[in-house]
Amino acid sequence: MSLSDEETAKDVGEDLANAISKLDHKKVVMIASSDFTHYEPDGIARDKDGYVIEAITELDVAKFYNRIYERYSSACGVGPIAAVMHAAKKLGASSGKRLKYATSGDVTGDRSAVVGYGGIIIF
């Protein structure tokens, strides 16, 4: 998704929700894939990412964007995350839950410059 601004994400989310709502009794899974923080110390990454993930679990797209900009988040999939949040909310989802969070430092042991990863389910 080359444009990741809030308006574009909302448009994509609207289109996605509209297309899904036309499917008759089909189960659909939406996936937005993204790393979170890139190449910052582990403690900073965890703080930034936790702050952003909280907005995702609340399905609050405006808060999500505010927190991305406020903390200068380097998450690379902001637009797709927001589009899925918007579509899920439009389709009746009310919240999300963080299933797992880790950084590359958990695997490599080098916590000086990590990448953050999170698994979040929306229902």
PDB file of N, CA and C in Angstrom:
ATOM      1  N   MET A   1       0.866  -1.168   0.000  1.00  0.00           N
ATOM      2  CA  MET A   1       0.000   0.000   0.000  1.00  0.00           C
ATOM      3  C   MET A   1       0.905   1.221   0.000  1.00  0.00           C
ATOM      4  N   SER A   2       1.043   1.870  -1.134  1.00  0.00           N
ATOM      5  CA  SER A   2       2.028   2.942  -1.255  1.00  0.00           C
ATOM      6  C   SER A   2       1.650   4.205  -0.487  1.00  0.00           C
ATOM      7  N   LEU A   3       0.375   4.545  -0.420  1.00  0.00           N
ATOM      8  CA  LEU A   3      -0.060   5.689   0.374  1.00  0.00           C
ATOM      9  C   LEU A   3      -0.583   5.167   1.711  1.00  0.00           C
ATOM     10  N   SER A   4      -0.061   5.723   2.786  1.00  0.00           N
ATOM     11  CA  SER A   4      -0.442   5.216   4.109  1.00  0.00           C
ATOM     12  C   SER A   4      -1.103   6.263   4.989  1.00  0.00           C
ATOM     13  N   ASP A   5      -1.562   7.349   4.383  1.00  0.00           N
ATOM     14  CA  ASP A   5      -2.222   8.385   5.171  1.00  0.00           C
ATOM     15  C   ASP A   5      -3.582   7.890   5.655  1.00  0.00           C
ATOM     16  N   GLU A   6      -4.106   8.560   6.640  1.00  0.00           N
ATOM     17  CA  GLU A   6      -5.354   8.125   7.273  1.00  0.00           C
ATOM     18  C   GLU A   6      -6.530   8.099   6.295  1.00  0.00           C
ATOM     19  N   GLU A   7      -6.641   9.088   5.430  1.00  0.00           N
ATOM     20  CA  GLU A   7      -7.762   9.141   4.496  1.00  0.00           C
ATOM     21  C   GLU A   7      -7.709   7.969   3.505  1.00  0.00           C
ATOM     22  N   THR A   8      -6.528   7.685   2.987  1.00  0.00           N
ATOM     23  CA  THR A   8      -6.388   6.562   2.061  1.00  0.00           C
ATOM     24  C   THR A   8      -6.702   5.244   2.757  1.00  0.00           C
ATOM     25  N   ALA A   9      -6.200   5.077   3.977  1.00  0.00           N
ATOM     26  CA  ALA A   9      -6.472   3.852   4.735  1.00  0.00           C
ATOM     27  C   ALA A   9      -7.966   3.697   4.986  1.00  0.00           C
ATOM     28  N   LYS A  10      -8.636   4.802   5.276  1.00  0.00           N
ATOM     29  CA  LYS A  10     -10.087   4.740   5.489  1.00  0.00           C
ATOM     30  C   LYS A  10     -10.798   4.324   4.205  1.00  0.00           C
ATOM     31  N   ASP A  11     -10.388   4.889   3.077  1.00  0.00           N
ATOM     32  CA  ASP A  11     -10.999   4.525   1.791  1.00  0.00           C
ATOM     33  C   ASP A  11     -10.790   3.037   1.488  1.00  0.00           C
ATOM     34  N   VAL A  12      -9.587   2.550   1.703  1.00  0.00           N
ATOM     35  CA  VAL A  12      -9.300   1.137   1.461  1.00  0.00           C
ATOM     36  C   VAL A  12     -10.116   0.266   2.420  1.00  0.00           C
ATOM     37  N   GLY A  13     -10.188   0.664   3.679  1.00  0.00           N
ATOM     38  CA  GLY A  13     -10.978  -0.072   4.666  1.00  0.00           C
ATOM     39  C   GLY A  13     -12.450  -0.111   4.312  1.00  0.00           C
ATOM     40  N   GLU A  14     -12.984   1.009   3.837  1.00  0.00           N
ATOM     41  CA  GLU A  14     -14.383   1.074   3.402  1.00  0.00           C
ATOM     42  C   GLU A  14     -14.626   0.098   2.254  1.00  0.00           C
ATOM     43  N   ASP A  15     -13.759   0.149   1.252  1.00  0.00           N
ATOM     44  CA  ASP A  15     -13.911  -0.736   0.099  1.00  0.00           C
ATOM     45  C   ASP A  15     -13.804  -2.203   0.511  1.00  0.00           C
ATOM     46  N   LEU A  16     -12.878  -2.488   1.379  1.00  0.00           N
ATOM     47  CA  LEU A  16     -12.694  -3.856   1.866  1.00  0.00           C
ATOM     48  C   LEU A  16     -13.935  -4.335   2.614  1.00  0.00           C
ATOM     49  N   ALA A  17     -14.437  -3.522   3.518  1.00  0.00           N
ATOM     50  CA  ALA A  17     -15.635  -3.889   4.286  1.00  0.00           C
ATOM     51  C   ALA A  17     -16.839  -4.058   3.367  1.00  0.00           C
ATOM     52  N   ASN A  18     -16.983  -3.181   2.396  1.00  0.00           N
ATOM     53  CA  ASN A  18     -18.110  -3.286   1.464  1.00  0.00           C
ATOM     54  C   ASN A  18     -18.030  -4.574   0.647  1.00  0.00           C
ATOM     55  N   ALA A  19     -16.847  -4.913   0.189  1.00  0.00           N
ATOM     56  CA  ALA A  19     -16.682  -6.145  -0.589  1.00  0.00           C
ATOM     57  C   ALA A  19     -16.968  -7.375   0.273  1.00  0.00           C
ATOM     58  N   ILE A  20     -16.475  -7.385   1.486  1.00  0.00           N
ATOM     59  CA  ILE A  20     -16.685  -8.526   2.375  1.00  0.00           C
ATOM     60  C   ILE A  20     -18.158  -8.665   2.738  1.00  0.00           C
ATOM     61  N   SER A  21     -18.828  -7.553   2.953  1.00  0.00           N
ATOM     62  CA  SER A  21     -20.238  -7.608   3.356  1.00  0.00           C
ATOM     63  C   SER A  21     -21.135  -8.178   2.253  1.00  0.00           C
ATOM     64  N   LYS A  22     -20.663  -8.180   1.021  1.00  0.00           N
ATOM     65  CA  LYS A  22     -21.439  -8.721  -0.091  1.00  0.00           C
ATOM     66  C   LYS A  22     -21.279 -10.236  -0.236  1.00  0.00           C
ATOM     67  N   LEU A  23     -20.343 -10.811   0.486  1.00  0.00           N
ATOM     68  CA  LEU A  23     -20.145 -12.259   0.422  1.00  0.00           C
ATOM     69  C   LEU A  23     -21.211 -12.934   1.264  1.00  0.00           C
ATOM     70  N   ASP A  24     -21.817 -13.937   0.736  1.00  0.00           N
ATOM     71  CA  ASP A  24     -22.916 -14.608   1.416  1.00  0.00           C
ATOM     72  C   ASP A  24     -22.393 -15.755   2.274  1.00  0.00           C
ATOM     73  N   HIS A  25     -22.397 -15.547   3.572  1.00  0.00           N
ATOM     74  CA  HIS A  25     -22.037 -16.584   4.543  1.00  0.00           C
ATOM     75  C   HIS A  25     -20.645 -17.165   4.327  1.00  0.00           C
ATOM     76  N   LYS A  26     -19.725 -16.360   3.888  1.00  0.00           N
ATOM     77  CA  LYS A  26     -18.346 -16.806   3.721  1.00  0.00           C
ATOM     78  C   LYS A  26     -17.524 -16.272   4.888  1.00  0.00           C
ATOM     79  N   LYS A  27     -16.620 -17.103   5.355  1.00  0.00           N
ATOM     80  CA  LYS A  27     -15.697 -16.649   6.389  1.00  0.00           C
ATOM     81  C   LYS A  27     -14.518 -15.962   5.708  1.00  0.00           C
ATOM     82  N   VAL A  28     -14.176 -14.809   6.202  1.00  0.00           N
ATOM     83  CA  VAL A  28     -13.089 -14.030   5.636  1.00  0.00           C
ATOM     84  C   VAL A  28     -12.115 -13.668   6.748  1.00  0.00           C
ATOM     85  N   VAL A  29     -10.850 -13.787   6.465  1.00  0.00           N
ATOM     86  CA  VAL A  29      -9.807 -13.372   7.394  1.00  0.00           C
ATOM     87  C   VAL A  29      -9.042 -12.234   6.729  1.00  0.00           C
ATOM     88  N   MET A  30      -8.927 -11.128   7.432  1.00  0.00           N
ATOM     89  CA  MET A  30      -8.130 -10.006   6.940  1.00  0.00           C
ATOM     90  C   MET A  30      -6.807 -10.023   7.687  1.00  0.00           C
ATOM     91  N   ILE A  31      -5.723  -9.830   6.953  1.00  0.00           N
ATOM     92  CA  ILE A  31      -4.398  -9.811   7.571  1.00  0.00           C
ATOM     93  C   ILE A  31      -3.671  -8.554   7.131  1.00  0.00           C
ATOM     94  N   ALA A  32      -3.159  -7.820   8.095  1.00  0.00           N
ATOM     95  CA  ALA A  32      -2.265  -6.697   7.820  1.00  0.00           C
ATOM     96  C   ALA A  32      -0.915  -7.085   8.404  1.00  0.00           C
ATOM     97  N   SER A  33       0.098  -7.079   7.596  1.00  0.00           N
ATOM     98  CA  SER A  33       1.418  -7.499   8.045  1.00  0.00           C
ATOM     99  C   SER A  33       2.335  -6.285   8.137  1.00  0.00           C
ATOM    100  N   SER A  34       3.018  -6.176   9.258  1.00  0.00           N
ATOM    101  CA  SER A  34       3.919  -5.051   9.462  1.00  0.00           C
ATOM    102  C   SER A  34       4.893  -5.358  10.588  1.00  0.00           C
ATOM    103  N   ASP A  35       6.098  -4.866  10.464  1.00  0.00           N
ATOM    104  CA  ASP A  35       6.990  -4.780  11.619  1.00  0.00           C
ATOM    105  C   ASP A  35       6.559  -3.532  12.375  1.00  0.00           C
ATOM    106  N   PHE A  36       6.980  -3.438  13.620  1.00  0.00           N
ATOM    107  CA  PHE A  36       6.746  -2.208  14.368  1.00  0.00           C
ATOM    108  C   PHE A  36       8.054  -1.409  14.357  1.00  0.00           C
ATOM    109  N   THR A  37       8.569  -1.024  15.484  1.00  0.00           N
ATOM    110  CA  THR A  37       9.777  -0.199  15.535  1.00  0.00           C
ATOM    111  C   THR A  37      10.940  -0.880  14.829  1.00  0.00           C
ATOM    112  N   HIS A  38      11.767  -0.060  14.164  1.00  0.00           N
ATOM    113  CA  HIS A  38      12.952  -0.546  13.467  1.00  0.00           C
ATOM    114  C   HIS A  38      14.215   0.082  14.050  1.00  0.00           C
ATOM    115  N   TYR A  39      15.124  -0.745  14.511  1.00  0.00           N
ATOM    116  CA  TYR A  39      16.505  -0.385  14.849  1.00  0.00           C
ATOM    117  C   TYR A  39      16.641   0.690  15.923  1.00  0.00           C
ATOM    118  N   GLU A  40      15.902   0.494  16.977  1.00  0.00           N
ATOM    119  CA  GLU A  40      16.062   1.329  18.164  1.00  0.00           C
ATOM    120  C   GLU A  40      16.343   0.399  19.340  1.00  0.00           C
ATOM    121  N   PRO A  41      16.843   0.941  20.453  1.00  0.00           N
ATOM    122  CA  PRO A  41      17.083   0.086  21.621  1.00  0.00           C
ATOM    123  C   PRO A  41      15.803  -0.615  22.075  1.00  0.00           C
ATOM    124  N   ASP A  42      15.967  -1.809  22.611  1.00  0.00           N
ATOM    125  CA  ASP A  42      14.848  -2.664  22.979  1.00  0.00           C
ATOM    126  C   ASP A  42      13.815  -1.949  23.858  1.00  0.00           C
ATOM    127  N   GLY A  43      14.251  -1.259  24.894  1.00  0.00           N
ATOM    128  CA  GLY A  43      13.322  -0.593  25.802  1.00  0.00           C
ATOM    129  C   GLY A  43      12.492   0.470  25.103  1.00  0.00           C
ATOM    130  N   ILE A  44      13.114   1.222  24.225  1.00  0.00           N
ATOM    131  CA  ILE A  44      12.401   2.261  23.479  1.00  0.00           C
ATOM    132  C   ILE A  44      11.405   1.616  22.519  1.00  0.00           C
ATOM    133  N   ALA A  45      11.828   0.558  21.831  1.00  0.00           N
ATOM    134  CA  ALA A  45      10.936  -0.139  20.901  1.00  0.00           C
ATOM    135  C   ALA A  45       9.705  -0.669  21.634  1.00  0.00           C
ATOM    136  N   ARG A  46       9.918  -1.311  22.768  1.00  0.00           N
ATOM    137  CA  ARG A  46       8.790  -1.866  23.525  1.00  0.00           C
ATOM    138  C   ARG A  46       7.824  -0.775  23.971  1.00  0.00           C
ATOM    139  N   ASP A  47       8.357   0.351  24.413  1.00  0.00           N
ATOM    140  CA  ASP A  47       7.518   1.460  24.860  1.00  0.00           C
ATOM    141  C   ASP A  47       6.705   2.025  23.691  1.00  0.00           C
ATOM    142  N   LYS A  48       7.378   2.339  22.581  1.00  0.00           N
ATOM    143  CA  LYS A  48       6.685   2.888  21.411  1.00  0.00           C
ATOM    144  C   LYS A  48       5.637   1.919  20.892  1.00  0.00           C
ATOM    145  N   ASP A  49       6.048   0.674  20.731  1.00  0.00           N
ATOM    146  CA  ASP A  49       5.149  -0.306  20.133  1.00  0.00           C
ATOM    147  C   ASP A  49       3.949  -0.595  21.029  1.00  0.00           C
ATOM    148  N   GLY A  50       4.168  -0.675  22.325  1.00  0.00           N
ATOM    149  CA  GLY A  50       3.053  -0.897  23.245  1.00  0.00           C
ATOM    150  C   GLY A  50       2.034   0.219  23.185  1.00  0.00           C
ATOM    151  N   TYR A  51       2.536   1.429  23.066  1.00  0.00           N
ATOM    152  CA  TYR A  51       1.676   2.608  22.972  1.00  0.00           C
ATOM    153  C   TYR A  51       0.817   2.563  21.707  1.00  0.00           C
ATOM    154  N   VAL A  52       1.430   2.186  20.587  1.00  0.00           N
ATOM    155  CA  VAL A  52       0.722   2.087  19.312  1.00  0.00           C
ATOM    156  C   VAL A  52      -0.231   0.892  19.317  1.00  0.00           C
ATOM    157  N   ILE A  53       0.219  -0.235  19.831  1.00  0.00           N
ATOM    158  CA  ILE A  53      -0.615  -1.444  19.859  1.00  0.00           C
ATOM    159  C   ILE A  53      -1.870  -1.228  20.694  1.00  0.00           C
ATOM    160  N   GLU A  54      -1.772  -0.450  21.751  1.00  0.00           N
ATOM    161  CA  GLU A  54      -2.956  -0.159  22.562  1.00  0.00           C
ATOM    162  C   GLU A  54      -4.055   0.485  21.712  1.00  0.00           C
ATOM    163  N   ALA A  55      -3.691   1.420  20.847  1.00  0.00           N
ATOM    164  CA  ALA A  55      -4.678   2.063  19.970  1.00  0.00           C
ATOM    165  C   ALA A  55      -5.264   1.058  18.983  1.00  0.00           C
ATOM    166  N   ILE A  56      -4.454   0.112  18.519  1.00  0.00           N
ATOM    167  CA  ILE A  56      -4.961  -0.921  17.610  1.00  0.00           C
ATOM    168  C   ILE A  56      -5.997  -1.772  18.330  1.00  0.00           C
ATOM    169  N   THR A  57      -5.707  -2.177  19.553  1.00  0.00           N
ATOM    170  CA  THR A  57      -6.652  -3.031  20.284  1.00  0.00           C
ATOM    171  C   THR A  57      -7.946  -2.305  20.610  1.00  0.00           C
ATOM    172  N   GLU A  58      -7.908  -0.993  20.639  1.00  0.00           N
ATOM    173  CA  GLU A  58      -9.114  -0.191  20.865  1.00  0.00           C
ATOM    174  C   GLU A  58      -9.849   0.098  19.549  1.00  0.00           C
ATOM    175  N   LEU A  59      -9.261  -0.306  18.437  1.00  0.00           N
ATOM    176  CA  LEU A  59      -9.802  -0.025  17.092  1.00  0.00           C
ATOM    177  C   LEU A  59     -10.045   1.464  16.877  1.00  0.00           C
ATOM    178  N   ASP A  60      -9.165   2.262  17.414  1.00  0.00           N
ATOM    179  CA  ASP A  60      -9.280   3.715  17.305  1.00  0.00           C
ATOM    180  C   ASP A  60      -8.258   4.201  16.272  1.00  0.00           C
ATOM    181  N   VAL A  61      -8.705   4.335  15.034  1.00  0.00           N
ATOM    182  CA  VAL A  61      -7.808   4.675  13.937  1.00  0.00           C
ATOM    183  C   VAL A  61      -7.179   6.049  14.131  1.00  0.00           C
ATOM    184  N   ALA A  62      -7.946   7.033  14.559  1.00  0.00           N
ATOM    185  CA  ALA A  62      -7.399   8.378  14.775  1.00  0.00           C
ATOM    186  C   ALA A  62      -6.326   8.354  15.862  1.00  0.00           C
ATOM    187  N   LYS A  63      -6.590   7.665  16.945  1.00  0.00           N
ATOM    188  CA  LYS A  63      -5.606   7.542  18.025  1.00  0.00           C
ATOM    189  C   LYS A  63      -4.362   6.807  17.532  1.00  0.00           C
ATOM    190  N   PHE A  64      -4.553   5.778  16.715  1.00  0.00           N
ATOM    191  CA  PHE A  64      -3.446   5.022  16.134  1.00  0.00           C
ATOM    192  C   PHE A  64      -2.526   5.967  15.362  1.00  0.00           C
ATOM    193  N   TYR A  65      -3.089   6.767  14.461  1.00  0.00           N
ATOM    194  CA  TYR A  65      -2.270   7.704  13.691  1.00  0.00           C
ATOM    195  C   TYR A  65      -1.621   8.749  14.593  1.00  0.00           C
ATOM    196  N   ASN A  66      -2.367   9.272  15.551  1.00  0.00           N
ATOM    197  CA  ASN A  66      -1.779  10.258  16.466  1.00  0.00           C
ATOM    198  C   ASN A  66      -0.577   9.675  17.196  1.00  0.00           C
ATOM    199  N   ARG A  67      -0.705   8.441  17.641  1.00  0.00           N
ATOM    200  CA  ARG A  67       0.390   7.811  18.382  1.00  0.00           C
ATOM    201  C   ARG A  67       1.576   7.478  17.473  1.00  0.00           C
ATOM    202  N   ILE A  68       1.296   7.090  16.240  1.00  0.00           N
ATOM    203  CA  ILE A  68       2.374   6.843  15.271  1.00  0.00           C
ATOM    204  C   ILE A  68       3.202   8.119  15.104  1.00  0.00           C
ATOM    205  N   TYR A  69       2.519   9.247  14.875  1.00  0.00           N
ATOM    206  CA  TYR A  69       3.220  10.520  14.645  1.00  0.00           C
ATOM    207  C   TYR A  69       3.850  11.064  15.922  1.00  0.00           C
ATOM    208  N   GLU A  70       3.149  10.933  17.031  1.00  0.00           N
ATOM    209  CA  GLU A  70       3.632  11.453  18.318  1.00  0.00           C
ATOM    210  C   GLU A  70       4.950  10.809  18.736  1.00  0.00           C
ATOM    211  N   ARG A  71       5.061   9.507  18.517  1.00  0.00           N
ATOM    212  CA  ARG A  71       6.263   8.772  18.939  1.00  0.00           C
ATOM    213  C   ARG A  71       7.237   8.508  17.790  1.00  0.00           C
ATOM    214  N   TYR A  72       6.977   9.111  16.638  1.00  0.00           N
ATOM    215  CA  TYR A  72       7.834   8.909  15.463  1.00  0.00           C
ATOM    216  C   TYR A  72       8.052   7.420  15.204  1.00  0.00           C
ATOM    217  N   SER A  73       6.978   6.679  15.194  1.00  0.00           N
ATOM    218  CA  SER A  73       7.057   5.242  14.986  1.00  0.00           C
ATOM    219  C   SER A  73       7.561   4.932  13.586  1.00  0.00           C
ATOM    220  N   SER A  74       8.406   3.926  13.500  1.00  0.00           N
ATOM    221  CA  SER A  74       8.930   3.503  12.198  1.00  0.00           C
ATOM    222  C   SER A  74       8.244   2.234  11.692  1.00  0.00           C
ATOM    223  N   ALA A  75       7.059   1.948  12.229  1.00  0.00           N
ATOM    224  CA  ALA A  75       6.285   0.802  11.724  1.00  0.00           C
ATOM    225  C   ALA A  75       6.082   0.988  10.222  1.00  0.00           C
ATOM    226  N   CYS A  76       6.274  -0.079   9.462  1.00  0.00           N
ATOM    227  CA  CYS A  76       6.244   0.061   8.006  1.00  0.00           C
ATOM    228  C   CYS A  76       4.877  -0.220   7.383  1.00  0.00           C
ATOM    229  N   GLY A  77       3.938  -0.754   8.125  1.00  0.00           N
ATOM    230  CA  GLY A  77       2.635  -1.102   7.567  1.00  0.00           C
ATOM    231  C   GLY A  77       1.489  -0.314   8.153  1.00  0.00           C
ATOM    232  N   VAL A  78       1.711   0.949   8.404  1.00  0.00           N
ATOM    233  CA  VAL A  78       0.707   1.791   9.053  1.00  0.00           C
ATOM    234  C   VAL A  78      -0.600   1.817   8.268  1.00  0.00           C
ATOM    235  N   GLY A  79      -0.531   2.041   6.965  1.00  0.00           N
ATOM    236  CA  GLY A  79      -1.741   2.103   6.143  1.00  0.00           C
ATOM    237  C   GLY A  79      -2.534   0.808   6.147  1.00  0.00           C
ATOM    238  N   PRO A  80      -1.885  -0.339   5.890  1.00  0.00           N
ATOM    239  CA  PRO A  80      -2.621  -1.602   5.939  1.00  0.00           C
ATOM    240  C   PRO A  80      -3.225  -1.905   7.314  1.00  0.00           C
ATOM    241  N   ILE A  81      -2.494  -1.609   8.375  1.00  0.00           N
ATOM    242  CA  ILE A  81      -3.043  -1.828   9.719  1.00  0.00           C
ATOM    243  C   ILE A  81      -4.306  -0.998   9.900  1.00  0.00           C
ATOM    244  N   ALA A  82      -4.235   0.288   9.545  1.00  0.00           N
ATOM    245  CA  ALA A  82      -5.384   1.178   9.714  1.00  0.00           C
ATOM    246  C   ALA A  82      -6.546   0.755   8.821  1.00  0.00           C
ATOM    247  N   ALA A  83      -6.265   0.309   7.608  1.00  0.00           N
ATOM    248  CA  ALA A  83      -7.333  -0.128   6.705  1.00  0.00           C
ATOM    249  C   ALA A  83      -8.061  -1.337   7.290  1.00  0.00           C
ATOM    250  N   VAL A  84      -7.317  -2.291   7.816  1.00  0.00           N
ATOM    251  CA  VAL A  84      -7.945  -3.471   8.420  1.00  0.00           C
ATOM    252  C   VAL A  84      -8.711  -3.080   9.678  1.00  0.00           C
ATOM    253  N   MET A  85      -8.152  -2.180  10.479  1.00  0.00           N
ATOM    254  CA  MET A  85      -8.875  -1.711  11.663  1.00  0.00           C
ATOM    255  C   MET A  85     -10.214  -1.105  11.261  1.00  0.00           C
ATOM    256  N   HIS A  86     -10.183  -0.242  10.265  1.00  0.00           N
ATOM    257  CA  HIS A  86     -11.410   0.434   9.831  1.00  0.00           C
ATOM    258  C   HIS A  86     -12.420  -0.585   9.287  1.00  0.00           C
ATOM    259  N   ALA A  87     -11.965  -1.491   8.431  1.00  0.00           N
ATOM    260  CA  ALA A  87     -12.864  -2.491   7.854  1.00  0.00           C
ATOM    261  C   ALA A  87     -13.453  -3.382   8.941  1.00  0.00           C
ATOM    262  N   ALA A  88     -12.613  -3.813   9.868  1.00  0.00           N
ATOM    263  CA  ALA A  88     -13.094  -4.692  10.938  1.00  0.00           C
ATOM    264  C   ALA A  88     -14.151  -3.992  11.781  1.00  0.00           C
ATOM    265  N   LYS A  89     -13.899  -2.752  12.098  1.00  0.00           N
ATOM    266  CA  LYS A  89     -14.863  -1.986  12.895  1.00  0.00           C
ATOM    267  C   LYS A  89     -16.178  -1.824  12.140  1.00  0.00           C
ATOM    268  N   LYS A  90     -16.090  -1.518  10.863  1.00  0.00           N
ATOM    269  CA  LYS A  90     -17.296  -1.358  10.053  1.00  0.00           C
ATOM    270  C   LYS A  90     -18.074  -2.672   9.957  1.00  0.00           C
ATOM    271  N   LEU A  91     -17.367  -3.783  10.002  1.00  0.00           N
ATOM    272  CA  LEU A  91     -18.007  -5.096   9.915  1.00  0.00           C
ATOM    273  C   LEU A  91     -18.483  -5.620  11.269  1.00  0.00           C
ATOM    274  N   GLY A  92     -18.320  -4.809  12.316  1.00  0.00           N
ATOM    275  CA  GLY A  92     -18.874  -5.174  13.615  1.00  0.00           C
ATOM    276  C   GLY A  92     -17.885  -5.535  14.699  1.00  0.00           C
ATOM    277  N   ALA A  93     -16.607  -5.505  14.406  1.00  0.00           N
ATOM    278  CA  ALA A  93     -15.612  -5.796  15.443  1.00  0.00           C
ATOM    279  C   ALA A  93     -15.627  -4.680  16.482  1.00  0.00           C
ATOM    280  N   SER A  94     -15.341  -5.037  17.716  1.00  0.00           N
ATOM    281  CA  SER A  94     -15.390  -4.034  18.774  1.00  0.00           C
ATOM    282  C   SER A  94     -14.072  -3.851  19.514  1.00  0.00           C
ATOM    283  N   SER A  95     -13.152  -4.801  19.370  1.00  0.00           N
ATOM    284  CA  SER A  95     -11.882  -4.653  20.075  1.00  0.00           C
ATOM    285  C   SER A  95     -10.852  -5.606  19.504  1.00  0.00           C
ATOM    286  N   GLY A  96      -9.662  -5.464  19.993  1.00  0.00           N
ATOM    287  CA  GLY A  96      -8.581  -6.348  19.611  1.00  0.00           C
ATOM    288  C   GLY A  96      -7.849  -6.812  20.851  1.00  0.00           C
ATOM    289  N   LYS A  97      -6.988  -7.785  20.659  1.00  0.00           N
ATOM    290  CA  LYS A  97      -6.211  -8.318  21.765  1.00  0.00           C
ATOM    291  C   LYS A  97      -4.796  -8.614  21.282  1.00  0.00           C
ATOM    292  N   ARG A  98      -3.831  -8.137  22.040  1.00  0.00           N
ATOM    293  CA  ARG A  98      -2.441  -8.452  21.729  1.00  0.00           C
ATOM    294  C   ARG A  98      -2.181  -9.888  22.156  1.00  0.00           C
ATOM    295  N   LEU A  99      -1.795 -10.731  21.215  1.00  0.00           N
ATOM    296  CA  LEU A  99      -1.519 -12.132  21.513  1.00  0.00           C
ATOM    297  C   LEU A  99      -0.067 -12.353  21.897  1.00  0.00           C
ATOM    298  N   LYS A 100       0.834 -11.649  21.224  1.00  0.00           N
ATOM    299  CA  LYS A 100       2.261 -11.838  21.473  1.00  0.00           C
ATOM    300  C   LYS A 100       3.000 -10.610  20.997  1.00  0.00           C
ATOM    301  N   TYR A 101       4.030 -10.254  21.731  1.00  0.00           N
ATOM    302  CA  TYR A 101       4.928  -9.184  21.303  1.00  0.00           C
ATOM    303  C   TYR A 101       6.354  -9.624  21.615  1.00  0.00           C
ATOM    304  N   ALA A 102       7.255  -9.366  20.709  1.00  0.00           N
ATOM    305  CA  ALA A 102       8.664  -9.671  20.915  1.00  0.00           C
ATOM    306  C   ALA A 102       9.486  -8.730  20.043  1.00  0.00           C
ATOM    307  N   THR A 103      10.753  -8.687  20.334  1.00  0.00           N
ATOM    308  CA  THR A 103      11.667  -7.949  19.467  1.00  0.00           C
ATOM    309  C   THR A 103      12.736  -8.914  18.972  1.00  0.00           C
ATOM    310  N   SER A 104      13.451  -8.469  17.962  1.00  0.00           N
ATOM    311  CA  SER A 104      14.539  -9.294  17.436  1.00  0.00           C
ATOM    312  C   SER A 104      15.576  -9.574  18.512  1.00  0.00           C
ATOM    313  N   GLY A 105      15.670  -8.701  19.504  1.00  0.00           N
ATOM    314  CA  GLY A 105      16.605  -8.917  20.607  1.00  0.00           C
ATOM    315  C   GLY A 105      16.271 -10.146  21.427  1.00  0.00           C
ATOM    316  N   ASP A 106      15.009 -10.550  21.439  1.00  0.00           N
ATOM    317  CA  ASP A 106      14.623 -11.768  22.152  1.00  0.00           C
ATOM    318  C   ASP A 106      15.236 -13.005  21.510  1.00  0.00           C
ATOM    319  N   VAL A 107      15.536 -12.916  20.225  1.00  0.00           N
ATOM    320  CA  VAL A 107      16.115 -14.049  19.505  1.00  0.00           C
ATOM    321  C   VAL A 107      17.635 -13.938  19.433  1.00  0.00           C
ATOM    322  N   THR A 108      18.125 -12.759  19.083  1.00  0.00           N
ATOM    323  CA  THR A 108      19.567 -12.594  18.862  1.00  0.00           C
ATOM    324  C   THR A 108      20.346 -12.300  20.131  1.00  0.00           C
ATOM    325  N   GLY A 109      19.660 -11.742  21.131  1.00  0.00           N
ATOM    326  CA  GLY A 109      20.343 -11.319  22.344  1.00  0.00           C
ATOM    327  C   GLY A 109      20.899  -9.908  22.251  1.00  0.00           C
ATOM    328  N   ASP A 110      20.969  -9.352  21.070  1.00  0.00           N
ATOM    329  CA  ASP A 110      21.444  -7.980  20.874  1.00  0.00           C
ATOM    330  C   ASP A 110      20.251  -7.045  21.011  1.00  0.00           C
ATOM    331  N   ARG A 111      20.220  -6.300  22.089  1.00  0.00           N
ATOM    332  CA  ARG A 111      19.093  -5.410  22.356  1.00  0.00           C
ATOM    333  C   ARG A 111      19.408  -3.948  22.050  1.00  0.00           C
ATOM    334  N   SER A 112      20.531  -3.705  21.372  1.00  0.00           N
ATOM    335  CA  SER A 112      20.937  -2.324  21.094  1.00  0.00           C
ATOM    336  C   SER A 112      20.154  -1.685  19.954  1.00  0.00           C
ATOM    337  N   ALA A 113      19.721  -2.474  18.984  1.00  0.00           N
ATOM    338  CA  ALA A 113      18.979  -1.958  17.835  1.00  0.00           C
ATOM    339  C   ALA A 113      18.077  -3.087  17.336  1.00  0.00           C
ATOM    340  N   VAL A 114      16.829  -3.063  17.759  1.00  0.00           N
ATOM    341  CA  VAL A 114      15.921  -4.181  17.500  1.00  0.00           C
ATOM    342  C   VAL A 114      14.820  -3.803  16.515  1.00  0.00           C
ATOM    343  N   VAL A 115      14.099  -4.822  16.075  1.00  0.00           N
ATOM    344  CA  VAL A 115      12.865  -4.646  15.317  1.00  0.00           C
ATOM    345  C   VAL A 115      11.762  -5.272  16.163  1.00  0.00           C
ATOM    346  N   GLY A 116      10.617  -4.578  16.273  1.00  0.00           N
ATOM    347  CA  GLY A 116       9.508  -5.066  17.067  1.00  0.00           C
ATOM    348  C   GLY A 116       8.492  -5.813  16.220  1.00  0.00           C
ATOM    349  N   TYR A 117       7.915  -6.872  16.828  1.00  0.00           N
ATOM    350  CA  TYR A 117       6.919  -7.694  16.145  1.00  0.00           C
ATOM    351  C   TYR A 117       5.769  -7.945  17.091  1.00  0.00           C
ATOM    352  N   GLY A 118       4.544  -7.864  16.592  1.00  0.00           N
ATOM    353  CA  GLY A 118       3.393  -8.124  17.428  1.00  0.00           C
ATOM    354  C   GLY A 118       2.330  -8.901  16.687  1.00  0.00           C
ATOM    355  N   GLY A 119       1.660  -9.765  17.415  1.00  0.00           N
ATOM    356  CA  GLY A 119       0.505 -10.478  16.881  1.00  0.00           C
ATOM    357  C   GLY A 119      -0.734  -9.967  17.577  1.00  0.00           C
ATOM    358  N   ILE A 120      -1.680  -9.466  16.818  1.00  0.00           N
ATOM    359  CA  ILE A 120      -2.895  -8.875  17.364  1.00  0.00           C
ATOM    360  C   ILE A 120      -4.084  -9.469  16.630  1.00  0.00           C
ATOM    361  N   ILE A 121      -5.085  -9.862  17.367  1.00  0.00           N
ATOM    362  CA  ILE A 121      -6.318 -10.371  16.759  1.00  0.00           C
ATOM    363  C   ILE A 121      -7.431  -9.365  17.040  1.00  0.00           C
ATOM    364  N   ILE A 122      -8.274  -9.152  16.042  1.00  0.00           N
ATOM    365  CA  ILE A 122      -9.398  -8.221  16.180  1.00  0.00           C
ATOM    366  C   ILE A 122     -10.682  -9.029  16.082  1.00  0.00           C
ATOM    367  N   PHE A 123     -11.604  -8.764  17.026  1.00  0.00           N
ATOM    368  CA  PHE A 123     -12.863  -9.519  17.034  1.00  0.00           C
ATOM    369  C   PHE A 123     -14.014  -8.632  17.414  1.00  0.00           C
TER     370      PHE A 123
END
